[in-house]
Amino acid sequence: MEPKYKKVILKISGEALAGANHFGLDDAMLGMVAEEVREIYDLGVQIAIVVGGGNFWRGRTSENMDRATADYMGMLATTINGLALQSALEGIGLATRVQTAIEMREIAEPYIRRKAIAEMDRGDIVIFAAGTGNPFFSTDTTAALRAAEINADIILLAKKIDAVYSDDPNVNPNAVRYYKLTHQEVLEKDLKVMDSTAASLCRDNGIPIHVFALAEPGNMLRAVCGEPIGTIIT
């Protein structure tokens, strides 16, 4: 198979890494993700990964907790997932670096744009953890920002759901599935595939997004080769 894209940002939701457990990390899912990543790596694709933290922490769980504190806790959750992914990838022989937007020098490198690009150029997979390092920004926004910074060809948005819908298909059986959208339509229709800041950043920088289900084997490879699975946002 021939890849359509040469440099990608893979955005993986934390919830997807939890598998059927809905919390924490599922070893089988981590192993599957690692093997899927190896398939596209073997095609010569440069890969950076942004991982969410929703399998450990999502938003405020107490009214007494301020938003900034809750967001910083979420950044720590993404770092846990980043280290777990690094271990899974290195377990199958893929050189991997974790870079964090908040310095944690004992366990990961600090995020440095030029260093990340250089590491990808030499064949390492780079995992971006701790979000943007700032509260009030999601990991979707992190993916959009890093994609712009490293000149990625596309964001591969791997989720628990298989495409973008007008509503939650698990709640509303009449939800409309979209196969193609523009960034502007995502914003105007207020679709929940990603937050508005991330969608705007992708629109302004001309970064396409391919949304697909992580749990279906082979989807990552299909997306990199440009097959029309899930939803493509341009």
Foldseek 3Di string as FASTA:
>chain_A
DAFPWAEEEEEEEQQQQCPPVSADGDPVLLLLLLVLVVVVLVNNHQYEYEYWQNNHADADPDPPDDQFVSLQVRLVSSVVVVVSSCVSNVVVPAAEFEEECDDPPVRHHHDDLVVCLVCSVVRHYYYYTSANVGTPDGSLLSNLVSCLSNVGQAYEYAYQDAAWWLDPCVVPVPIHGAQEEELVCCVVSVTVSDDNNSSVSCNVRVHKYAYGYSPDRPPSVCVRRPHRTHHIYD
